[in-house]
Amino acid sequence: MKNVAFICIVLLIVLVLYWGSNSVLSAIGKVLIVHALPVPANAAVVLNTDLEYYPRLTEAALLYKEGLVKSIVLNGNRKSEALKQMETDGYTPACAWYENYLRVLTFYGVNQNDVICISAEDVYDTISEADAVGPEILARGIDRILLITSSFHTRRAGFIWQHRFQDKLHIQTIGARNDTFDPNHWWRSGRQVRWVLAEYGAWLYYGWKYLSHKS
């Protein structure tokens, strides 16, 4: 809970200062990031999101080619209730949900036989993604992973996975080298402002959810 309290304090400072000096704003962006040199692991687990997914895929491919992981774990196949109903009515997608992701990985030299694809239809955030993907990883005998995500998501993703799996998984969180987040100037981009606000909001939500289960 120390991480949650720390993030909440930082958010409070943001609200008090309300667009303060550049150094303060840079600190707000940098606190979201965990920097770590990757060490060998069984697999790279690529956390899923929309357009930010592609830098994460290429990062996983780089780690694979560098010999730091033997396999890459993908997850996806998200389905809304509307899509589920369409499939019930007979709709069939043009291709498997993982087809484009596999194409990206093979383009960067990854053997398709080394890619594990996990369908996680009802995932909607980092918590539910961990709860859906983690047990599948463990069931395959994987116990050391590099958790691949965007740099601004590294601290929260690592905290959630560590909290969820503790001594069951050895987890190192790695930020994609070519993602576009700039902690020194994030407030100049509407897209990056949304990322930062969403991260701090998600920290508050996770803290609330954790505390409500404790009470």
Protein backbone atom coordinates (compact mmCIF):
# COMPACT_ATOMS: atom_id res chain seq x y z
CA MET A 1 0.00 0.00 0.00
CA LYS A 2 3.01 2.32 0.29
CA ASN A 3 3.05 2.69 -3.51
CA VAL A 4 -0.66 3.56 -3.54
CA ALA A 5 -0.27 6.13 -0.78
CA PHE A 6 2.73 7.65 -2.53
CA ILE A 7 0.87 8.00 -5.83
CA CYS A 8 -2.14 9.54 -4.07
CA ILE A 9 0.11 12.11 -2.40
CA VAL A 10 1.60 13.01 -5.76
CA LEU A 11 -1.90 13.46 -7.19
CA LEU A 12 -2.82 15.76 -4.32
CA ILE A 13 0.25 17.86 -5.03
CA VAL A 14 -0.84 18.10 -8.67
CA LEU A 15 -4.25 19.41 -7.68
CA VAL A 16 -2.79 21.94 -5.25
CA LEU A 17 -0.21 23.29 -7.64
CA TYR A 18 -2.52 23.12 -10.68
CA TRP A 19 -0.13 23.30 -13.57
CA GLY A 20 2.85 24.49 -11.59
CA SER A 21 6.43 24.75 -12.77
CA ASN A 22 7.89 22.57 -15.49
CA SER A 23 10.09 20.74 -12.99
CA VAL A 24 7.04 19.74 -10.94
CA LEU A 25 5.17 18.59 -14.03
CA SER A 26 8.19 16.58 -15.17
CA ALA A 27 8.34 14.90 -11.76
CA ILE A 28 4.66 14.01 -12.07
CA GLY A 29 5.39 12.24 -15.36
CA LYS A 30 8.59 10.56 -14.19
CA VAL A 31 7.06 9.05 -11.05
CA LEU A 32 4.88 6.84 -13.25
CA ILE A 33 7.94 5.18 -14.80
CA VAL A 34 10.04 2.31 -13.49
CA HIS A 35 13.43 1.95 -15.19
CA ALA A 36 14.98 -1.50 -15.21
CA LEU A 37 17.51 -3.37 -17.31
CA PRO A 38 15.89 -6.62 -18.44
CA VAL A 39 17.24 -9.92 -17.15
CA PRO A 40 16.65 -13.37 -18.69
CA ALA A 41 13.15 -14.77 -18.15
CA ASN A 42 10.92 -17.56 -19.45
CA ALA A 43 8.63 -15.23 -21.38
CA ALA A 44 7.78 -11.67 -22.32
CA VAL A 45 4.16 -10.93 -21.42
CA VAL A 46 2.77 -8.13 -23.58
CA LEU A 47 0.03 -6.15 -21.84
CA ASN A 48 -2.77 -5.22 -24.20
CA THR A 49 -4.19 -1.84 -25.07
CA ASP A 50 -5.16 0.01 -28.23
CA LEU A 51 -2.56 1.80 -30.37
CA GLU A 52 0.07 1.66 -27.62
CA TYR A 53 0.16 -2.10 -28.15
CA TYR A 54 2.46 -1.94 -31.16
CA PRO A 55 5.51 -0.42 -29.40
CA ARG A 56 5.03 -3.13 -26.76
CA LEU A 57 5.01 -5.83 -29.44
CA THR A 58 8.21 -4.56 -31.00
CA GLU A 59 9.84 -4.39 -27.55
CA ALA A 60 8.95 -8.03 -26.92
CA ALA A 61 10.41 -8.96 -30.31
CA LEU A 62 13.65 -7.13 -29.48
CA LEU A 63 13.96 -8.93 -26.15
CA TYR A 64 13.33 -12.24 -27.91
CA LYS A 65 16.01 -11.55 -30.53
CA GLU A 66 18.42 -10.49 -27.78
CA GLY A 67 17.94 -13.92 -26.21
CA LEU A 68 16.40 -12.62 -22.99
CA VAL A 69 13.14 -14.56 -23.40
CA LYS A 70 12.26 -17.84 -25.10
CA SER A 71 8.60 -17.08 -25.72
CA ILE A 72 6.17 -14.18 -26.04
CA VAL A 73 2.72 -14.18 -24.45
CA LEU A 74 -0.06 -12.20 -26.13
CA ASN A 75 -3.58 -11.67 -24.90
CA GLY A 76 -6.62 -10.13 -26.53
CA ASN A 77 -9.96 -11.02 -28.13
CA ARG A 78 -11.86 -8.43 -26.06
CA LYS A 79 -15.60 -8.64 -26.61
CA SER A 80 -18.38 -6.24 -25.72
CA GLU A 81 -21.88 -7.51 -25.10
CA ALA A 82 -22.86 -6.17 -28.53
CA LEU A 83 -20.12 -8.19 -30.24
CA LYS A 84 -21.05 -11.32 -28.30
CA GLN A 85 -24.62 -10.93 -29.48
CA MET A 86 -23.47 -10.47 -33.08
CA GLU A 87 -21.47 -13.69 -32.86
CA THR A 88 -24.51 -15.46 -31.39
CA ASP A 89 -26.47 -14.23 -34.41
CA GLY A 90 -23.90 -15.78 -36.75
CA TYR A 91 -21.26 -13.06 -37.31
CA THR A 92 -17.76 -14.42 -38.02
CA PRO A 93 -14.62 -12.21 -37.86
CA ALA A 94 -12.41 -12.05 -40.95
CA CYS A 95 -9.45 -13.52 -39.10
CA ALA A 96 -8.34 -14.69 -35.66
CA TRP A 97 -7.90 -11.89 -33.11
CA TYR A 98 -4.15 -12.49 -32.86
CA GLU A 99 -3.41 -12.59 -36.60
CA ASN A 100 -2.08 -9.02 -36.96
CA TYR A 101 -0.05 -9.29 -33.77
CA LEU A 102 1.61 -12.48 -35.02
CA ARG A 103 2.40 -10.76 -38.30
CA VAL A 104 4.18 -7.96 -36.44
CA LEU A 105 6.22 -10.41 -34.37
CA THR A 106 7.20 -12.59 -37.32
CA PHE A 107 8.12 -9.45 -39.26
CA TYR A 108 10.68 -8.77 -36.50
CA GLY A 109 12.03 -12.30 -36.53
CA VAL A 110 9.99 -14.12 -33.90
CA ASN A 111 9.19 -17.79 -34.53
CA GLN A 112 5.41 -18.26 -34.42
CA ASN A 113 5.90 -21.48 -32.44
CA ASP A 114 7.33 -19.36 -29.61
CA VAL A 115 4.21 -17.18 -29.33
CA ILE A 116 1.49 -18.03 -26.80
CA CYS A 117 -1.91 -16.47 -27.51
CA ILE A 118 -4.36 -16.22 -24.61
CA SER A 119 -7.97 -15.26 -25.28
CA ALA A 120 -9.22 -12.89 -22.58
CA GLU A 121 -12.66 -11.78 -23.71
CA ASP A 122 -13.89 -10.03 -20.57
CA VAL A 123 -10.75 -8.08 -19.61
CA TYR A 124 -11.31 -4.34 -19.21
CA ASP A 125 -8.34 -3.03 -17.19
CA THR A 126 -4.91 -3.98 -15.83
CA ILE A 127 -6.38 -5.76 -12.80
CA SER A 128 -8.70 -8.01 -14.78
CA GLU A 129 -5.95 -8.60 -17.34
CA ALA A 130 -3.61 -9.84 -14.61
CA ASP A 131 -6.35 -12.05 -13.17
CA ALA A 132 -7.10 -13.56 -16.60
CA VAL A 133 -3.57 -13.96 -17.97
CA GLY A 134 -1.55 -14.75 -14.84
CA PRO A 135 -3.15 -18.13 -14.07
CA GLU A 136 -2.77 -19.17 -17.72
CA ILE A 137 0.93 -18.36 -17.56
CA LEU A 138 1.41 -20.33 -14.36
CA ALA A 139 -0.49 -23.29 -15.80
CA ARG A 140 2.12 -23.44 -18.57
CA GLY A 141 4.95 -23.67 -16.05
CA ILE A 142 6.16 -20.11 -16.63
CA ASP A 143 7.45 -18.52 -13.43
CA ARG A 144 9.79 -15.74 -14.61
CA ILE A 145 8.40 -13.02 -16.86
CA LEU A 146 9.28 -9.68 -18.36
CA LEU A 147 6.07 -7.64 -18.21
CA ILE A 148 6.04 -5.44 -21.30
CA THR A 149 4.01 -2.24 -21.30
CA SER A 150 4.23 1.49 -22.04
CA SER A 151 6.68 3.47 -19.92
CA PHE A 152 3.93 5.52 -18.22
CA HIS A 153 2.21 2.28 -17.19
CA THR A 154 5.25 0.45 -15.76
CA ARG A 155 4.91 1.38 -12.08
CA ARG A 156 1.21 0.60 -11.80
CA ALA A 157 1.33 -2.57 -13.92
CA GLY A 158 4.28 -3.93 -11.96
CA PHE A 159 2.62 -3.14 -8.64
CA ILE A 160 -0.64 -4.85 -9.63
CA TRP A 161 1.04 -7.99 -10.92
CA GLN A 162 3.34 -8.21 -7.90
CA HIS A 163 0.40 -7.76 -5.56
CA ARG A 164 -1.65 -10.35 -7.44
CA PHE A 165 0.99 -13.08 -7.70
CA GLN A 166 3.62 -12.26 -5.05
CA ASP A 167 5.92 -15.31 -4.74
CA LYS A 168 4.24 -17.28 -7.57
CA LEU A 169 5.83 -15.24 -10.34
CA HIS A 170 9.16 -13.46 -10.62
CA ILE A 171 8.17 -10.25 -12.43
CA GLN A 172 10.26 -7.51 -13.98
CA THR A 173 8.39 -4.65 -15.64
CA ILE A 174 9.88 -3.25 -18.85
CA GLY A 175 8.78 -0.12 -20.69
CA ALA A 176 8.76 -0.18 -24.47
CA ARG A 177 11.84 1.62 -25.75
CA ASN A 178 10.04 3.24 -28.67
CA ASP A 179 6.83 4.39 -27.01
CA THR A 180 6.01 8.09 -27.42
CA PHE A 181 5.51 9.14 -23.80
CA ASP A 182 7.70 12.12 -22.86
CA PRO A 183 7.77 12.64 -19.07
CA ASN A 184 9.52 15.99 -19.50
CA HIS A 185 6.86 17.54 -21.73
CA TRP A 186 3.76 15.35 -21.41
CA TRP A 187 1.47 18.33 -20.65
CA ARG A 188 2.03 19.68 -24.18
CA SER A 189 0.20 16.75 -25.77
CA GLY A 190 -3.50 16.16 -25.23
CA ARG A 191 -3.00 12.45 -25.73
CA GLN A 192 -0.26 12.24 -23.12
CA VAL A 193 -2.27 14.36 -20.68
CA ARG A 194 -5.00 11.73 -20.94
CA TRP A 195 -2.45 8.99 -20.24
CA VAL A 196 -1.16 10.73 -17.12
CA LEU A 197 -4.60 11.57 -15.75
CA ALA A 198 -5.79 8.04 -16.45
CA GLU A 199 -2.80 6.56 -14.62
CA TYR A 200 -3.32 8.62 -11.48
CA GLY A 201 -7.04 7.97 -11.59
CA ALA A 202 -6.37 4.24 -11.90
CA TRP A 203 -4.05 4.39 -8.86
CA LEU A 204 -6.87 5.93 -6.84
CA TYR A 205 -9.30 3.29 -8.07
CA TYR A 206 -6.93 0.45 -7.22
CA GLY A 207 -6.31 1.90 -3.75
CA TRP A 208 -10.05 2.21 -3.15
CA LYS A 209 -10.71 -1.32 -4.40
CA TYR A 210 -7.90 -2.77 -2.28
CA LEU A 211 -9.03 -0.95 0.87
CA SER A 212 -12.68 -1.86 0.34
CA HIS A 213 -11.74 -5.55 0.25
CA LYS A 214 -9.69 -5.13 3.42
CA SER A 215 -12.59 -3.59 5.37
